[in-house]
């Protein structure tokens, strides 16, 4: 019960911050979420060999965070390769349109890591 209330509370505050700062729209990117959550799922499936236990949940969270950082690096490489930073239009594209997309996978990875850490701790009685 505490896990559910705590998780809803933490995620609720994160959503509250996003909504009060301008809305959820800028924080939603399905491909970024698919890369982080889908990749973490398959990594934890390979590690766990089908056993759903504390280690699998913890590995899912760690994998999500790692994949978020990997996606950030891929996004930055792609952004720098296709953006001309010598013009004002190129700088505007880089900072206003492209960089949030590159940062969202890290955001998703951090949230999944937080939720999985709480979940894994609750599976052992919080110890």
C-alpha atoms as a PDB file:
ATOM      1  CA  UNK A   1       0.000   0.000   0.000  1.00  0.00           C
ATOM      2  CA  UNK A   2       2.819   2.411   0.906  1.00  0.00           C
ATOM      3  CA  UNK A   3       4.516   1.645  -2.393  1.00  0.00           C
ATOM      4  CA  UNK A   4       1.433   2.641  -4.368  1.00  0.00           C
ATOM      5  CA  UNK A   5       0.792   5.824  -2.394  1.00  0.00           C
ATOM      6  CA  UNK A   6       4.463   6.814  -2.467  1.00  0.00           C
ATOM      7  CA  UNK A   7       4.835   6.137  -6.189  1.00  0.00           C
ATOM      8  CA  UNK A   8       1.665   8.044  -7.044  1.00  0.00           C
ATOM      9  CA  UNK A   9       2.829  10.908  -4.825  1.00  0.00           C
ATOM     10  CA  UNK A  10       6.297  11.172  -6.365  1.00  0.00           C
ATOM     11  CA  UNK A  11       5.110  10.820  -9.954  1.00  0.00           C
ATOM     12  CA  UNK A  12       2.237  13.183  -9.178  1.00  0.00           C
ATOM     13  CA  UNK A  13       4.645  15.893  -8.011  1.00  0.00           C
ATOM     14  CA  UNK A  14       6.738  15.411 -11.150  1.00  0.00           C
ATOM     15  CA  UNK A  15       3.619  15.812 -13.303  1.00  0.00           C
ATOM     16  CA  UNK A  16       2.545  18.810 -11.214  1.00  0.00           C
ATOM     17  CA  UNK A  17       5.900  20.504 -11.881  1.00  0.00           C
ATOM     18  CA  UNK A  18       5.582  19.793 -15.613  1.00  0.00           C
ATOM     19  CA  UNK A  19       1.988  21.024 -15.820  1.00  0.00           C
ATOM     20  CA  UNK A  20       2.606  24.174 -13.795  1.00  0.00           C
ATOM     21  CA  UNK A  21       5.664  24.938 -15.919  1.00  0.00           C
ATOM     22  CA  UNK A  22       3.731  24.938 -19.180  1.00  0.00           C
ATOM     23  CA  UNK A  23       1.976  21.622 -19.697  1.00  0.00           C
ATOM     24  CA  UNK A  24       2.756  17.990 -20.371  1.00  0.00           C
ATOM     25  CA  UNK A  25       3.105  18.361 -24.143  1.00  0.00           C
ATOM     26  CA  UNK A  26       6.839  19.103 -24.179  1.00  0.00           C
ATOM     27  CA  UNK A  27       7.458  16.083 -21.924  1.00  0.00           C
ATOM     28  CA  UNK A  28       5.743  13.538 -24.142  1.00  0.00           C
ATOM     29  CA  UNK A  29       7.777  11.741 -26.784  1.00  0.00           C
ATOM     30  CA  UNK A  30       6.634   8.191 -27.510  1.00  0.00           C
ATOM     31  CA  UNK A  31       9.766   7.084 -29.449  1.00  0.00           C
ATOM     32  CA  UNK A  32      12.005   8.179 -26.554  1.00  0.00           C
ATOM     33  CA  UNK A  33       9.829   6.347 -24.044  1.00  0.00           C
ATOM     34  CA  UNK A  34       9.761   3.248 -26.253  1.00  0.00           C
ATOM     35  CA  UNK A  35      13.552   3.188 -26.511  1.00  0.00           C
ATOM     36  CA  UNK A  36      14.024   3.521 -22.760  1.00  0.00           C
ATOM     37  CA  UNK A  37      11.209   1.280 -21.488  1.00  0.00           C
ATOM     38  CA  UNK A  38      11.339  -1.249 -24.330  1.00  0.00           C
ATOM     39  CA  UNK A  39      15.108  -1.563 -24.206  1.00  0.00           C
ATOM     40  CA  UNK A  40      15.059  -1.925 -20.416  1.00  0.00           C
ATOM     41  CA  UNK A  41      12.357  -4.591 -20.686  1.00  0.00           C
ATOM     42  CA  UNK A  42      14.373  -6.700 -23.101  1.00  0.00           C
ATOM     43  CA  UNK A  43      17.601  -6.203 -21.122  1.00  0.00           C
ATOM     44  CA  UNK A  44      15.926  -7.297 -17.884  1.00  0.00           C
ATOM     45  CA  UNK A  45      14.222 -10.205 -19.665  1.00  0.00           C
ATOM     46  CA  UNK A  46      17.611 -11.440 -20.873  1.00  0.00           C
ATOM     47  CA  UNK A  47      19.153 -11.004 -17.427  1.00  0.00           C
ATOM     48  CA  UNK A  48      16.330 -12.527 -15.421  1.00  0.00           C
ATOM     49  CA  UNK A  49      15.703 -15.527 -17.689  1.00  0.00           C
ATOM     50  CA  UNK A  50      11.993 -15.204 -16.990  1.00  0.00           C
ATOM     51  CA  UNK A  51      12.228 -14.916 -13.177  1.00  0.00           C
ATOM     52  CA  UNK A  52      10.382 -11.867 -11.902  1.00  0.00           C
ATOM     53  CA  UNK A  53      12.090 -10.944  -8.661  1.00  0.00           C
ATOM     54  CA  UNK A  54      13.766  -8.039  -6.878  1.00  0.00           C
ATOM     55  CA  UNK A  55      16.896  -8.305  -9.009  1.00  0.00           C
ATOM     56  CA  UNK A  56      14.903  -8.174 -12.253  1.00  0.00           C
ATOM     57  CA  UNK A  57      13.014  -5.049 -11.124  1.00  0.00           C
ATOM     58  CA  UNK A  58      16.238  -3.378 -10.008  1.00  0.00           C
ATOM     59  CA  UNK A  59      17.969  -4.315 -13.272  1.00  0.00           C
ATOM     60  CA  UNK A  60      15.032  -2.877 -15.242  1.00  0.00           C
ATOM     61  CA  UNK A  61      15.469   0.475 -13.486  1.00  0.00           C
ATOM     62  CA  UNK A  62      19.231   0.483 -13.984  1.00  0.00           C
ATOM     63  CA  UNK A  63      18.823  -0.467 -17.644  1.00  0.00           C
ATOM     64  CA  UNK A  64      16.260   2.285 -18.198  1.00  0.00           C
ATOM     65  CA  UNK A  65      18.632   4.869 -16.767  1.00  0.00           C
ATOM     66  CA  UNK A  66      21.562   3.579 -18.819  1.00  0.00           C
ATOM     67  CA  UNK A  67      19.485   3.538 -22.011  1.00  0.00           C
ATOM     68  CA  UNK A  68      18.323   7.090 -21.293  1.00  0.00           C
ATOM     69  CA  UNK A  69      21.930   8.262 -21.236  1.00  0.00           C
ATOM     70  CA  UNK A  70      22.790   6.283 -24.357  1.00  0.00           C
ATOM     71  CA  UNK A  71      19.794   7.822 -26.157  1.00  0.00           C
ATOM     72  CA  UNK A  72      20.954  11.278 -25.046  1.00  0.00           C
ATOM     73  CA  UNK A  73      24.350  10.716 -26.623  1.00  0.00           C
ATOM     74  CA  UNK A  74      22.802   9.384 -29.826  1.00  0.00           C
ATOM     75  CA  UNK A  75      20.452  12.376 -29.929  1.00  0.00           C
ATOM     76  CA  UNK A  76      23.282  14.858 -29.460  1.00  0.00           C
ATOM     77  CA  UNK A  77      25.361  13.252 -32.192  1.00  0.00           C
ATOM     78  CA  UNK A  78      22.398  13.342 -34.571  1.00  0.00           C
ATOM     79  CA  UNK A  79      21.585  16.945 -33.629  1.00  0.00           C
ATOM     80  CA  UNK A  80      25.131  18.167 -34.115  1.00  0.00           C
ATOM     81  CA  UNK A  81      25.455  16.326 -37.394  1.00  0.00           C
ATOM     82  CA  UNK A  82      22.356  17.905 -38.902  1.00  0.00           C
ATOM     83  CA  UNK A  83      22.418  21.402 -37.407  1.00  0.00           C
ATOM     84  CA  UNK A  84      24.388  24.391 -38.636  1.00  0.00           C
ATOM     85  CA  UNK A  85      25.348  26.190 -35.418  1.00  0.00           C
ATOM     86  CA  UNK A  86      26.942  29.068 -37.316  1.00  0.00           C
ATOM     87  CA  UNK A  87      23.560  30.632 -38.098  1.00  0.00           C
ATOM     88  CA  UNK A  88      20.923  32.011 -35.734  1.00  0.00           C
ATOM     89  CA  UNK A  89      18.345  29.665 -37.286  1.00  0.00           C
ATOM     90  CA  UNK A  90      20.583  26.663 -36.639  1.00  0.00           C
ATOM     91  CA  UNK A  91      21.153  27.668 -33.014  1.00  0.00           C
ATOM     92  CA  UNK A  92      17.404  28.207 -32.565  1.00  0.00           C
ATOM     93  CA  UNK A  93      16.685  24.749 -33.999  1.00  0.00           C
ATOM     94  CA  UNK A  94      19.301  23.145 -31.781  1.00  0.00           C
ATOM     95  CA  UNK A  95      18.168  24.704 -28.506  1.00  0.00           C
ATOM     96  CA  UNK A  96      14.424  25.107 -29.020  1.00  0.00           C
ATOM     97  CA  UNK A  97      13.405  22.058 -31.032  1.00  0.00           C
ATOM     98  CA  UNK A  98      16.040  19.344 -30.967  1.00  0.00           C
ATOM     99  CA  UNK A  99      17.595  19.422 -27.495  1.00  0.00           C
ATOM    100  CA  UNK A 100      14.407  18.637 -25.527  1.00  0.00           C
ATOM    101  CA  UNK A 101      13.940  15.476 -27.581  1.00  0.00           C
ATOM    102  CA  UNK A 102      17.487  14.382 -26.743  1.00  0.00           C
ATOM    103  CA  UNK A 103      16.961  15.098 -23.030  1.00  0.00           C
ATOM    104  CA  UNK A 104      13.647  13.283 -22.632  1.00  0.00           C
ATOM    105  CA  UNK A 105      15.104   9.743 -22.617  1.00  0.00           C
ATOM    106  CA  UNK A 106      17.233  10.658 -19.586  1.00  0.00           C
ATOM    107  CA  UNK A 107      14.118  12.067 -17.906  1.00  0.00           C
ATOM    108  CA  UNK A 108      12.202   8.850 -18.596  1.00  0.00           C
ATOM    109  CA  UNK A 109      15.136   6.733 -17.417  1.00  0.00           C
ATOM    110  CA  UNK A 110      15.362   8.643 -14.148  1.00  0.00           C
ATOM    111  CA  UNK A 111      11.647   8.289 -13.462  1.00  0.00           C
ATOM    112  CA  UNK A 112      11.693   4.559 -14.238  1.00  0.00           C
ATOM    113  CA  UNK A 113      14.793   4.107 -12.067  1.00  0.00           C
ATOM    114  CA  UNK A 114      13.067   5.907  -9.180  1.00  0.00           C
ATOM    115  CA  UNK A 115       9.907   3.808  -9.460  1.00  0.00           C
ATOM    116  CA  UNK A 116      11.856   0.543  -9.822  1.00  0.00           C
ATOM    117  CA  UNK A 117      14.071   1.351  -6.842  1.00  0.00           C
ATOM    118  CA  UNK A 118      11.022   1.847  -4.658  1.00  0.00           C
ATOM    119  CA  UNK A 119       9.411  -1.288  -6.058  1.00  0.00           C
ATOM    120  CA  UNK A 120      12.529  -3.415  -5.491  1.00  0.00           C
ATOM    121  CA  UNK A 121      12.865  -2.096  -1.930  1.00  0.00           C
ATOM    122  CA  UNK A 122       9.238  -2.981  -1.225  1.00  0.00           C
ATOM    123  CA  UNK A 123       9.834  -6.542  -2.450  1.00  0.00           C
ATOM    124  CA  UNK A 124      12.295  -7.074   0.422  1.00  0.00           C
ATOM    125  CA  UNK A 125      10.261  -5.300   3.059  1.00  0.00           C
ATOM    126  CA  UNK A 126      12.083  -2.011   2.555  1.00  0.00           C
ATOM    127  CA  UNK A 127      15.418  -3.257   3.927  1.00  0.00           C
END
